[in-house]
Amino acid sequence: MLIPSRLILASASPRRRELISLLGLPYEVLPSRYEEPTSHDREIRIADFVQFLALEKAREVATRCGGGWVIGADTEVSLEEIGNPLGKPTDDADAFRMLRTLSGRTHRVTTGVAIIPVSEAGVMSEPMTFAEVTEVTFRSLTDTMIRRYVETGDPLDKAGAYGAQDSAALFIEQYDGDFFNVVGLPVCALAKRLEESIKW
């Protein structure tokens, strides 16, 4: 089966759009309409959870993309490998709570990625999924620091209530792993898998 080399990002995230452009390949954006579950098993392995969500997002787009390589992604912030991810804050108070929880601690940022080749006839091939983990250590934050950041409005659309690429960079003492993974897409790991599959 001939698989076209067209890349389709199944995400509306401007950060992921910027990161996928680093691949140097033509791509299109077709945001997924998949609705994420509002609840899940609190004892779930985070790496499995993000790969599941990434795959569901990619599958939804694959049904209406007209052929290509569909890439879905999901990022979660958690304190442990197994447990309940923080998710995105519902409001300013929730963002404050999350950042207070992360203050002075090391947490895990896990991004799941799914790649689905789709023929021009709309036939999906076997998907590829993987997860990347980066450990991030926050300095101790004062309530004033947190409040000022929350007031910018930046935390509200981000897992864990912060973006490593915005002014929350001042909170990060160190990280172990792929920085771009924290932003939302592990481009090095993604490039390796596409190189193996597409042979560009």
N, C-alpha and C. Protein backbone atom coordinates (compact mmCIF):
# COMPACT_ATOMS: atom_id res chain seq x y z
N MET A 1 0.85 -1.20 0.00
CA MET A 1 0.00 0.00 0.00
C MET A 1 0.88 1.24 0.00
N LEU A 2 0.62 2.16 -0.90
CA LEU A 2 1.40 3.39 -0.97
C LEU A 2 0.91 4.36 0.11
N ILE A 3 1.86 4.80 0.93
CA ILE A 3 1.53 5.74 2.00
C ILE A 3 2.11 7.11 1.65
N PRO A 4 1.28 8.14 1.54
CA PRO A 4 1.80 9.47 1.22
C PRO A 4 2.62 10.04 2.38
N SER A 5 3.51 10.96 2.04
CA SER A 5 4.41 11.52 3.06
C SER A 5 3.84 12.78 3.73
N ARG A 6 2.61 13.09 3.45
CA ARG A 6 1.95 14.25 4.05
C ARG A 6 1.82 14.07 5.56
N LEU A 7 2.24 15.06 6.33
CA LEU A 7 2.12 15.01 7.79
C LEU A 7 0.92 15.83 8.22
N ILE A 8 0.16 15.30 9.17
CA ILE A 8 -1.03 15.99 9.68
C ILE A 8 -0.95 16.02 11.20
N LEU A 9 -0.90 17.20 11.76
CA LEU A 9 -0.86 17.36 13.21
C LEU A 9 -2.28 17.42 13.74
N ALA A 10 -2.64 16.45 14.58
CA ALA A 10 -4.01 16.37 15.11
C ALA A 10 -4.11 17.17 16.41
N SER A 11 -3.71 18.44 16.36
CA SER A 11 -3.70 19.26 17.56
C SER A 11 -3.84 20.72 17.18
N ALA A 12 -4.58 21.45 18.02
CA ALA A 12 -4.74 22.90 17.81
C ALA A 12 -3.69 23.70 18.57
N SER A 13 -2.81 23.01 19.29
CA SER A 13 -1.82 23.69 20.13
C SER A 13 -0.83 24.49 19.29
N PRO A 14 -0.72 25.80 19.54
CA PRO A 14 0.28 26.59 18.80
C PRO A 14 1.70 26.16 19.15
N ARG A 15 1.90 25.64 20.35
CA ARG A 15 3.24 25.19 20.75
C ARG A 15 3.64 23.95 19.96
N ARG A 16 2.72 23.01 19.80
CA ARG A 16 3.03 21.82 19.02
C ARG A 16 3.23 22.17 17.54
N ARG A 17 2.51 23.15 17.07
CA ARG A 17 2.68 23.58 15.68
C ARG A 17 4.09 24.12 15.48
N GLU A 18 4.57 24.92 16.40
CA GLU A 18 5.93 25.44 16.30
C GLU A 18 6.97 24.32 16.35
N LEU A 19 6.73 23.34 17.23
CA LEU A 19 7.71 22.27 17.39
C LEU A 19 7.75 21.33 16.19
N ILE A 20 6.59 20.99 15.64
CA ILE A 20 6.60 20.07 14.51
C ILE A 20 7.23 20.72 13.28
N SER A 21 7.21 22.05 13.22
CA SER A 21 7.85 22.74 12.10
C SER A 21 9.36 22.55 12.12
N LEU A 22 9.92 22.20 13.27
CA LEU A 22 11.36 21.96 13.38
C LEU A 22 11.80 20.73 12.59
N LEU A 23 10.86 19.85 12.25
CA LEU A 23 11.19 18.68 11.46
C LEU A 23 11.62 19.05 10.04
N GLY A 24 11.22 20.23 9.59
CA GLY A 24 11.58 20.66 8.25
C GLY A 24 10.80 19.98 7.15
N LEU A 25 9.64 19.43 7.50
CA LEU A 25 8.79 18.75 6.53
C LEU A 25 7.47 19.51 6.38
N PRO A 26 6.86 19.45 5.20
CA PRO A 26 5.55 20.08 5.04
C PRO A 26 4.54 19.40 5.98
N TYR A 27 3.69 20.19 6.59
CA TYR A 27 2.68 19.61 7.47
C TYR A 27 1.41 20.45 7.42
N GLU A 28 0.33 19.83 7.85
CA GLU A 28 -0.95 20.51 7.95
C GLU A 28 -1.48 20.32 9.37
N VAL A 29 -2.36 21.19 9.77
CA VAL A 29 -2.98 21.09 11.08
C VAL A 29 -4.46 20.77 10.93
N LEU A 30 -4.88 19.68 11.55
CA LEU A 30 -6.28 19.29 11.55
C LEU A 30 -6.62 18.88 12.99
N PRO A 31 -7.08 19.84 13.81
CA PRO A 31 -7.32 19.54 15.22
C PRO A 31 -8.30 18.39 15.43
N SER A 32 -8.00 17.56 16.41
CA SER A 32 -8.86 16.43 16.71
C SER A 32 -10.12 16.89 17.42
N ARG A 33 -11.22 16.19 17.12
CA ARG A 33 -12.50 16.46 17.79
C ARG A 33 -12.75 15.48 18.93
N TYR A 34 -11.76 14.63 19.20
CA TYR A 34 -11.92 13.64 20.27
C TYR A 34 -12.11 14.35 21.62
N GLU A 35 -13.11 13.91 22.37
CA GLU A 35 -13.38 14.48 23.69
C GLU A 35 -12.72 13.61 24.75
N GLU A 36 -11.77 14.21 25.48
CA GLU A 36 -11.04 13.47 26.50
C GLU A 36 -11.97 13.10 27.65
N PRO A 37 -11.76 11.95 28.28
CA PRO A 37 -12.60 11.55 29.41
C PRO A 37 -12.43 12.50 30.58
N THR A 38 -13.50 12.72 31.28
CA THR A 38 -13.45 13.63 32.44
C THR A 38 -12.95 12.92 33.70
N SER A 39 -12.94 11.58 33.68
CA SER A 39 -12.44 10.82 34.82
C SER A 39 -11.75 9.57 34.31
N HIS A 40 -10.87 9.01 35.14
CA HIS A 40 -10.13 7.82 34.75
C HIS A 40 -9.63 7.12 35.99
N ASP A 41 -9.04 5.96 35.79
CA ASP A 41 -8.49 5.17 36.88
C ASP A 41 -7.37 5.93 37.57
N ARG A 42 -7.51 6.19 38.85
CA ARG A 42 -6.50 6.94 39.59
C ARG A 42 -5.19 6.18 39.74
N GLU A 43 -5.20 4.89 39.48
CA GLU A 43 -3.98 4.09 39.59
C GLU A 43 -3.38 3.81 38.21
N ILE A 44 -3.77 4.59 37.23
CA ILE A 44 -3.30 4.35 35.87
C ILE A 44 -1.83 4.73 35.74
N ARG A 45 -1.11 4.01 34.86
CA ARG A 45 0.27 4.36 34.53
C ARG A 45 0.21 5.52 33.55
N ILE A 46 0.83 6.63 33.90
CA ILE A 46 0.69 7.85 33.12
C ILE A 46 1.15 7.66 31.68
N ALA A 47 2.24 6.92 31.47
CA ALA A 47 2.74 6.70 30.11
C ALA A 47 1.71 5.98 29.25
N ASP A 48 0.98 5.05 29.84
CA ASP A 48 -0.08 4.34 29.10
C ASP A 48 -1.24 5.28 28.81
N PHE A 49 -1.58 6.12 29.77
CA PHE A 49 -2.70 7.04 29.65
C PHE A 49 -2.48 8.04 28.52
N VAL A 50 -1.29 8.65 28.46
CA VAL A 50 -1.04 9.66 27.42
C VAL A 50 -0.96 9.03 26.04
N GLN A 51 -0.45 7.80 25.94
CA GLN A 51 -0.42 7.12 24.65
C GLN A 51 -1.84 6.79 24.18
N PHE A 52 -2.70 6.39 25.11
CA PHE A 52 -4.09 6.12 24.78
C PHE A 52 -4.78 7.37 24.24
N LEU A 53 -4.60 8.51 24.94
CA LEU A 53 -5.24 9.74 24.50
C LEU A 53 -4.68 10.21 23.16
N ALA A 54 -3.37 10.11 22.99
CA ALA A 54 -2.76 10.52 21.73
C ALA A 54 -3.29 9.68 20.57
N LEU A 55 -3.45 8.39 20.82
CA LEU A 55 -3.95 7.49 19.78
C LEU A 55 -5.40 7.79 19.42
N GLU A 56 -6.22 8.06 20.44
CA GLU A 56 -7.62 8.37 20.17
C GLU A 56 -7.76 9.69 19.39
N LYS A 57 -6.93 10.66 19.73
CA LYS A 57 -6.95 11.93 19.00
C LYS A 57 -6.56 11.72 17.55
N ALA A 58 -5.50 10.94 17.34
CA ALA A 58 -5.03 10.67 15.97
C ALA A 58 -6.05 9.87 15.17
N ARG A 59 -6.67 8.89 15.82
CA ARG A 59 -7.66 8.06 15.12
C ARG A 59 -8.83 8.89 14.62
N GLU A 60 -9.28 9.83 15.43
CA GLU A 60 -10.42 10.65 15.03
C GLU A 60 -10.08 11.44 13.77
N VAL A 61 -8.89 11.99 13.73
CA VAL A 61 -8.46 12.76 12.56
C VAL A 61 -8.23 11.85 11.37
N ALA A 62 -7.70 10.66 11.62
CA ALA A 62 -7.41 9.71 10.54
C ALA A 62 -8.66 9.33 9.75
N THR A 63 -9.83 9.40 10.39
CA THR A 63 -11.08 9.04 9.70
C THR A 63 -11.53 10.08 8.69
N ARG A 64 -10.90 11.26 8.71
CA ARG A 64 -11.37 12.34 7.82
C ARG A 64 -10.24 13.15 7.20
N CYS A 65 -9.03 12.58 7.18
CA CYS A 65 -7.87 13.36 6.71
C CYS A 65 -7.59 13.21 5.23
N GLY A 66 -8.08 12.14 4.59
CA GLY A 66 -7.83 11.95 3.18
C GLY A 66 -6.44 11.43 2.85
N GLY A 67 -5.79 10.83 3.81
CA GLY A 67 -4.49 10.22 3.58
C GLY A 67 -3.35 11.04 4.15
N GLY A 68 -2.34 10.35 4.68
CA GLY A 68 -1.17 11.02 5.24
C GLY A 68 -0.68 10.31 6.49
N TRP A 69 0.22 10.94 7.18
CA TRP A 69 0.74 10.44 8.46
C TRP A 69 0.17 11.34 9.55
N VAL A 70 -0.77 10.82 10.32
CA VAL A 70 -1.46 11.60 11.34
C VAL A 70 -0.70 11.48 12.66
N ILE A 71 -0.41 12.61 13.27
CA ILE A 71 0.34 12.64 14.52
C ILE A 71 -0.52 13.25 15.62
N GLY A 72 -0.79 12.44 16.65
CA GLY A 72 -1.53 12.91 17.81
C GLY A 72 -0.61 12.95 19.01
N ALA A 73 -0.91 13.83 19.96
CA ALA A 73 -0.07 13.94 21.16
C ALA A 73 -0.90 14.35 22.36
N ASP A 74 -0.43 13.93 23.53
CA ASP A 74 -1.07 14.35 24.78
C ASP A 74 0.01 14.46 25.84
N THR A 75 -0.03 15.54 26.61
CA THR A 75 0.97 15.78 27.66
C THR A 75 0.29 15.88 29.02
N GLU A 76 0.85 15.19 29.99
CA GLU A 76 0.33 15.25 31.36
C GLU A 76 1.46 15.50 32.34
N VAL A 77 1.12 16.17 33.43
CA VAL A 77 2.06 16.44 34.52
C VAL A 77 1.63 15.64 35.73
N SER A 78 2.58 14.95 36.37
CA SER A 78 2.24 14.14 37.54
C SER A 78 3.43 14.10 38.49
N LEU A 79 3.15 13.75 39.71
CA LEU A 79 4.23 13.63 40.70
C LEU A 79 4.84 12.25 40.70
N GLU A 80 4.08 11.26 40.22
CA GLU A 80 4.56 9.87 40.22
C GLU A 80 4.33 9.23 38.86
N GLU A 81 4.92 8.06 38.66
CA GLU A 81 4.77 7.31 37.43
C GLU A 81 3.36 6.75 37.29
N ILE A 82 2.78 6.37 38.44
CA ILE A 82 1.42 5.84 38.48
C ILE A 82 0.59 6.72 39.39
N GLY A 83 -0.58 7.10 38.93
CA GLY A 83 -1.44 7.93 39.77
C GLY A 83 -2.30 8.85 38.95
N ASN A 84 -2.71 9.92 39.55
CA ASN A 84 -3.64 10.85 38.93
C ASN A 84 -2.90 12.06 38.38
N PRO A 85 -2.87 12.28 37.06
CA PRO A 85 -2.21 13.47 36.53
C PRO A 85 -2.94 14.74 36.94
N LEU A 86 -2.20 15.84 36.97
CA LEU A 86 -2.80 17.10 37.42
C LEU A 86 -3.82 17.63 36.42
N GLY A 87 -3.60 17.38 35.14
CA GLY A 87 -4.49 17.90 34.12
C GLY A 87 -4.30 19.39 33.93
N LYS A 88 -5.27 20.04 33.29
CA LYS A 88 -5.24 21.48 33.09
C LYS A 88 -6.12 22.15 34.15
N PRO A 89 -5.73 23.31 34.65
CA PRO A 89 -6.54 23.96 35.69
C PRO A 89 -7.89 24.42 35.15
N THR A 90 -8.88 24.35 36.01
CA THR A 90 -10.22 24.78 35.63
C THR A 90 -10.42 26.28 35.78
N ASP A 91 -9.64 26.89 36.68
CA ASP A 91 -9.73 28.33 36.91
C ASP A 91 -8.46 28.80 37.60
N ASP A 92 -8.40 30.07 37.95
CA ASP A 92 -7.20 30.63 38.59
C ASP A 92 -6.88 29.96 39.93
N ALA A 93 -7.92 29.67 40.70
CA ALA A 93 -7.70 29.04 42.01
C ALA A 93 -7.10 27.65 41.84
N ASP A 94 -7.56 26.93 40.83
CA ASP A 94 -7.04 25.59 40.57
C ASP A 94 -5.59 25.67 40.08
N ALA A 95 -5.29 26.67 39.26
CA ALA A 95 -3.92 26.87 38.80
C ALA A 95 -3.00 27.19 39.98
N PHE A 96 -3.47 28.03 40.89
CA PHE A 96 -2.68 28.35 42.09
C PHE A 96 -2.40 27.09 42.90
N ARG A 97 -3.42 26.27 43.06
CA ARG A 97 -3.27 25.03 43.83
C ARG A 97 -2.24 24.10 43.20
N MET A 98 -2.30 23.96 41.87
CA MET A 98 -1.35 23.09 41.19
C MET A 98 0.08 23.57 41.36
N LEU A 99 0.28 24.85 41.17
CA LEU A 99 1.63 25.40 41.27
C LEU A 99 2.15 25.33 42.70
N ARG A 100 1.27 25.50 43.66
CA ARG A 100 1.67 25.33 45.05
C ARG A 100 2.08 23.88 45.30
N THR A 101 1.39 22.94 44.68
CA THR A 101 1.74 21.52 44.81
C THR A 101 3.11 21.21 44.22
N LEU A 102 3.44 21.85 43.10
CA LEU A 102 4.70 21.59 42.41
C LEU A 102 5.88 22.35 43.01
N SER A 103 5.60 23.35 43.82
CA SER A 103 6.65 24.20 44.39
C SER A 103 7.68 23.39 45.17
N GLY A 104 8.96 23.57 44.82
CA GLY A 104 10.05 22.93 45.54
C GLY A 104 10.15 21.44 45.35
N ARG A 105 9.47 20.90 44.33
CA ARG A 105 9.45 19.46 44.13
C ARG A 105 9.85 19.10 42.69
N THR A 106 10.18 17.84 42.51
CA THR A 106 10.45 17.31 41.17
C THR A 106 9.21 16.57 40.70
N HIS A 107 8.79 16.88 39.50
CA HIS A 107 7.62 16.21 38.93
C HIS A 107 7.96 15.65 37.56
N ARG A 108 7.03 14.91 37.00
CA ARG A 108 7.22 14.24 35.71
C ARG A 108 6.29 14.85 34.66
N VAL A 109 6.87 15.16 33.51
CA VAL A 109 6.08 15.58 32.37
C VAL A 109 6.15 14.46 31.34
N THR A 110 5.01 13.87 31.05
CA THR A 110 4.96 12.72 30.15
C THR A 110 4.12 13.07 28.92
N THR A 111 4.71 12.91 27.75
CA THR A 111 3.99 13.15 26.51
C THR A 111 3.85 11.84 25.74
N GLY A 112 2.63 11.52 25.39
CA GLY A 112 2.38 10.37 24.53
C GLY A 112 2.21 10.83 23.10
N VAL A 113 2.76 10.08 22.17
CA VAL A 113 2.66 10.42 20.75
C VAL A 113 2.15 9.20 19.99
N ALA A 114 1.25 9.44 19.07
CA ALA A 114 0.73 8.38 18.20
C ALA A 114 0.91 8.81 16.75
N ILE A 115 1.35 7.87 15.93
CA ILE A 115 1.53 8.11 14.49
C ILE A 115 0.72 7.07 13.73
N ILE A 116 -0.20 7.53 12.91
CA ILE A 116 -1.03 6.60 12.13
C ILE A 116 -0.86 6.89 10.64
N PRO A 117 -0.29 5.94 9.89
CA PRO A 117 -0.25 6.10 8.43
C PRO A 117 -1.64 5.81 7.84
N VAL A 118 -2.09 6.67 6.96
CA VAL A 118 -3.40 6.50 6.33
C VAL A 118 -3.24 6.61 4.83
N SER A 119 -3.77 5.63 4.10
CA SER A 119 -3.69 5.67 2.65
C SER A 119 -4.66 6.70 2.09
N GLU A 120 -4.49 7.03 0.80
CA GLU A 120 -5.39 8.00 0.18
C GLU A 120 -6.82 7.49 0.12
N ALA A 121 -6.97 6.16 0.22
CA ALA A 121 -8.30 5.56 0.25
C ALA A 121 -8.90 5.57 1.66
N GLY A 122 -8.14 6.08 2.61
CA GLY A 122 -8.64 6.18 3.98
C GLY A 122 -8.39 4.95 4.83
N VAL A 123 -7.53 4.04 4.37
CA VAL A 123 -7.23 2.83 5.13
C VAL A 123 -6.09 3.10 6.10
N MET A 124 -6.35 2.83 7.38
CA MET A 124 -5.33 3.05 8.41
C MET A 124 -4.41 1.85 8.53
N SER A 125 -3.11 2.10 8.60
CA SER A 125 -2.14 1.05 8.89
C SER A 125 -1.93 0.97 10.39
N GLU A 126 -1.13 -0.01 10.83
CA GLU A 126 -0.87 -0.19 12.26
C GLU A 126 -0.26 1.08 12.85
N PRO A 127 -0.86 1.61 13.91
CA PRO A 127 -0.32 2.83 14.51
C PRO A 127 0.96 2.56 15.30
N MET A 128 1.76 3.59 15.44
CA MET A 128 2.94 3.56 16.30
C MET A 128 2.71 4.52 17.46
N THR A 129 3.01 4.07 18.67
CA THR A 129 2.87 4.96 19.83
C THR A 129 4.12 4.87 20.69
N PHE A 130 4.41 5.97 21.38
CA PHE A 130 5.50 5.98 22.35
C PHE A 130 5.25 7.10 23.36
N ALA A 131 5.96 7.04 24.45
CA ALA A 131 5.85 8.08 25.48
C ALA A 131 7.24 8.54 25.89
N GLU A 132 7.37 9.82 26.12
CA GLU A 132 8.63 10.42 26.55
C GLU A 132 8.41 11.07 27.91
N VAL A 133 9.37 10.89 28.83
CA VAL A 133 9.25 11.45 30.18
C VAL A 133 10.41 12.39 30.45
N THR A 134 10.10 13.57 30.97
CA THR A 134 11.11 14.53 31.41
C THR A 134 10.82 14.88 32.85
N GLU A 135 11.83 14.83 33.69
CA GLU A 135 11.67 15.22 35.09
C GLU A 135 12.05 16.70 35.24
N VAL A 136 11.17 17.43 35.90
CA VAL A 136 11.35 18.88 36.07
C VAL A 136 11.35 19.21 37.56
N THR A 137 12.32 20.00 37.98
CA THR A 137 12.41 20.42 39.38
C THR A 137 12.12 21.90 39.50
N PHE A 138 11.13 22.24 40.30
CA PHE A 138 10.77 23.63 40.57
C PHE A 138 11.53 24.15 41.80
N ARG A 139 11.90 25.40 41.77
CA ARG A 139 12.38 26.06 42.97
C ARG A 139 11.20 26.27 43.92
N SER A 140 11.47 26.63 45.15
CA SER A 140 10.39 26.94 46.09
C SER A 140 9.75 28.25 45.68
N LEU A 141 8.45 28.23 45.53
CA LEU A 141 7.72 29.40 45.05
C LEU A 141 6.96 30.08 46.19
N THR A 142 6.99 31.39 46.20
CA THR A 142 6.19 32.12 47.17
C THR A 142 4.78 32.29 46.61
N ASP A 143 3.84 32.58 47.48
CA ASP A 143 2.47 32.81 47.02
C ASP A 143 2.41 33.99 46.06
N THR A 144 3.25 35.01 46.30
CA THR A 144 3.27 36.18 45.43
C THR A 144 3.74 35.81 44.03
N MET A 145 4.78 34.97 43.94
CA MET A 145 5.28 34.53 42.64
C MET A 145 4.21 33.77 41.87
N ILE A 146 3.54 32.89 42.58
CA ILE A 146 2.49 32.10 41.93
C ILE A 146 1.35 32.99 41.48
N ARG A 147 0.94 33.91 42.36
CA ARG A 147 -0.19 34.77 42.04
C ARG A 147 0.10 35.63 40.81
N ARG A 148 1.31 36.17 40.74
CA ARG A 148 1.67 37.02 39.60
C ARG A 148 1.63 36.22 38.30
N TYR A 149 2.09 34.99 38.35
CA TYR A 149 2.08 34.17 37.15
C TYR A 149 0.64 33.81 36.76
N VAL A 150 -0.16 33.45 37.72
CA VAL A 150 -1.55 33.10 37.43
C VAL A 150 -2.29 34.28 36.81
N GLU A 151 -1.97 35.48 37.26
CA GLU A 151 -2.63 36.69 36.75
C GLU A 151 -2.32 36.95 35.28
N THR A 152 -1.26 36.35 34.74
CA THR A 152 -0.95 36.51 33.31
C THR A 152 -1.93 35.75 32.43
N GLY A 153 -2.61 34.76 33.01
CA GLY A 153 -3.54 33.93 32.25
C GLY A 153 -2.87 32.78 31.53
N ASP A 154 -1.54 32.73 31.57
CA ASP A 154 -0.82 31.68 30.85
C ASP A 154 -1.10 30.26 31.34
N PRO A 155 -1.35 30.04 32.64
CA PRO A 155 -1.50 28.65 33.12
C PRO A 155 -2.75 27.93 32.66
N LEU A 156 -3.79 28.64 32.24
CA LEU A 156 -5.11 28.03 32.11
C LEU A 156 -5.24 26.98 31.02
N ASP A 157 -4.41 27.03 29.98
CA ASP A 157 -4.55 26.03 28.91
C ASP A 157 -3.40 25.04 28.90
N LYS A 158 -2.72 24.91 30.04
CA LYS A 158 -1.52 24.08 30.08
C LYS A 158 -1.59 23.01 31.17
N ALA A 159 -1.13 21.81 30.83
CA ALA A 159 -1.07 20.73 31.82
C ALA A 159 -0.14 21.14 32.96
N GLY A 160 -0.60 20.94 34.19
CA GLY A 160 0.21 21.31 35.33
C GLY A 160 0.21 22.79 35.63
N ALA A 161 -0.52 23.57 34.84
CA ALA A 161 -0.69 25.01 35.06
C ALA A 161 0.56 25.84 34.79
N TYR A 162 1.45 25.35 33.92
CA TYR A 162 2.59 26.19 33.57
C TYR A 162 3.12 25.83 32.19
N GLY A 163 3.82 26.79 31.59
CA GLY A 163 4.49 26.57 30.32
C GLY A 163 5.97 26.83 30.48
N ALA A 164 6.80 25.85 30.17
CA ALA A 164 8.24 26.02 30.33
C ALA A 164 8.79 27.08 29.39
N GLN A 165 8.04 27.41 28.34
CA GLN A 165 8.49 28.37 27.35
C GLN A 165 8.05 29.80 27.66
N ASP A 166 7.25 30.00 28.72
CA ASP A 166 6.84 31.36 29.07
C ASP A 166 7.51 31.78 30.38
N SER A 167 6.92 32.72 31.10
CA SER A 167 7.59 33.26 32.29
C SER A 167 7.72 32.25 33.42
N ALA A 168 7.05 31.09 33.32
CA ALA A 168 7.23 30.03 34.31
C ALA A 168 8.61 29.41 34.20
N ALA A 169 9.36 29.76 33.17
CA ALA A 169 10.75 29.30 33.05
C ALA A 169 11.55 29.72 34.28
N LEU A 170 11.14 30.80 34.91
CA LEU A 170 11.82 31.28 36.12
C LEU A 170 11.61 30.35 37.31
N PHE A 171 10.65 29.45 37.22
CA PHE A 171 10.37 28.51 38.30
C PHE A 171 11.25 27.25 38.22
N ILE A 172 11.82 26.99 37.04
CA ILE A 172 12.48 25.71 36.79
C ILE A 172 13.96 25.76 37.16
N GLU A 173 14.33 24.99 38.17
CA GLU A 173 15.73 24.91 38.57
C GLU A 173 16.52 23.99 37.65
N GLN A 174 15.91 22.87 37.27
CA GLN A 174 16.58 21.95 36.37
C GLN A 174 15.57 20.99 35.76
N TYR A 175 16.00 20.36 34.68
CA TYR A 175 15.17 19.30 34.10
C TYR A 175 16.09 18.20 33.59
N ASP A 176 15.56 16.99 33.60
CA ASP A 176 16.30 15.81 33.16
C ASP A 176 15.52 15.16 32.04
N GLY A 177 16.00 15.34 30.81
CA GLY A 177 15.29 14.81 29.66
C GLY A 177 15.13 15.85 28.59
N ASP A 178 14.21 15.61 27.68
CA ASP A 178 13.96 16.46 26.51
C ASP A 178 13.15 17.70 26.92
N PHE A 179 13.75 18.88 26.75
CA PHE A 179 13.05 20.12 27.08
C PHE A 179 11.80 20.30 26.24
N PHE A 180 11.89 19.96 24.94
CA PHE A 180 10.75 20.15 24.05
C PHE A 180 9.58 19.25 24.45
N ASN A 181 9.88 18.16 25.12
CA ASN A 181 8.82 17.29 25.64
C ASN A 181 7.98 18.04 26.67
N VAL A 182 8.62 18.88 27.46
CA VAL A 182 7.90 19.68 28.46
C VAL A 182 7.00 20.70 27.78
N VAL A 183 7.46 21.22 26.65
CA VAL A 183 6.66 22.20 25.91
C VAL A 183 5.45 21.54 25.25
N GLY A 184 5.60 20.24 24.90
CA GLY A 184 4.42 19.54 24.36
C GLY A 184 4.65 18.53 23.27
N LEU A 185 5.90 18.42 22.76
CA LEU A 185 6.14 17.44 21.70
C LEU A 185 7.63 17.06 21.69
N PRO A 186 7.96 15.79 21.94
CA PRO A 186 9.36 15.35 21.93
C PRO A 186 9.85 15.20 20.50
N VAL A 187 10.33 16.28 19.91
CA VAL A 187 10.61 16.29 18.48
C VAL A 187 11.75 15.36 18.09
N CYS A 188 12.73 15.18 18.96
CA CYS A 188 13.84 14.28 18.61
C CYS A 188 13.34 12.84 18.49
N ALA A 189 12.59 12.38 19.48
CA ALA A 189 12.05 11.02 19.43
C ALA A 189 11.08 10.85 18.26
N LEU A 190 10.29 11.88 17.98
CA LEU A 190 9.36 11.82 16.84
C LEU A 190 10.13 11.74 15.53
N ALA A 191 11.18 12.54 15.40
CA ALA A 191 11.98 12.53 14.18
C ALA A 191 12.59 11.16 13.92
N LYS A 192 13.08 10.52 14.97
CA LYS A 192 13.69 9.20 14.82
C LYS A 192 12.69 8.20 14.24
N ARG A 193 11.48 8.21 14.75
CA ARG A 193 10.47 7.24 14.29
C ARG A 193 10.01 7.55 12.87
N LEU A 194 9.89 8.83 12.54
CA LEU A 194 9.51 9.16 11.17
C LEU A 194 10.62 8.83 10.19
N GLU A 195 11.86 9.06 10.60
CA GLU A 195 12.99 8.71 9.73
C GLU A 195 13.01 7.23 9.41
N GLU A 196 12.71 6.41 10.42
CA GLU A 196 12.69 4.97 10.23
C GLU A 196 11.54 4.52 9.31
N SER A 197 10.43 5.24 9.37
CA SER A 197 9.24 4.83 8.64
C SER A 197 9.12 5.44 7.24
N ILE A 198 9.39 6.75 7.16
CA ILE A 198 9.18 7.46 5.89
C ILE A 198 10.45 7.46 5.05
N LYS A 199 11.62 7.35 5.72
CA LYS A 199 12.91 7.38 5.03
C LYS A 199 13.11 8.70 4.30
N TRP A 200 12.81 9.80 4.99
CA TRP A 200 12.98 11.07 4.29
C TRP A 200 14.44 11.49 4.24
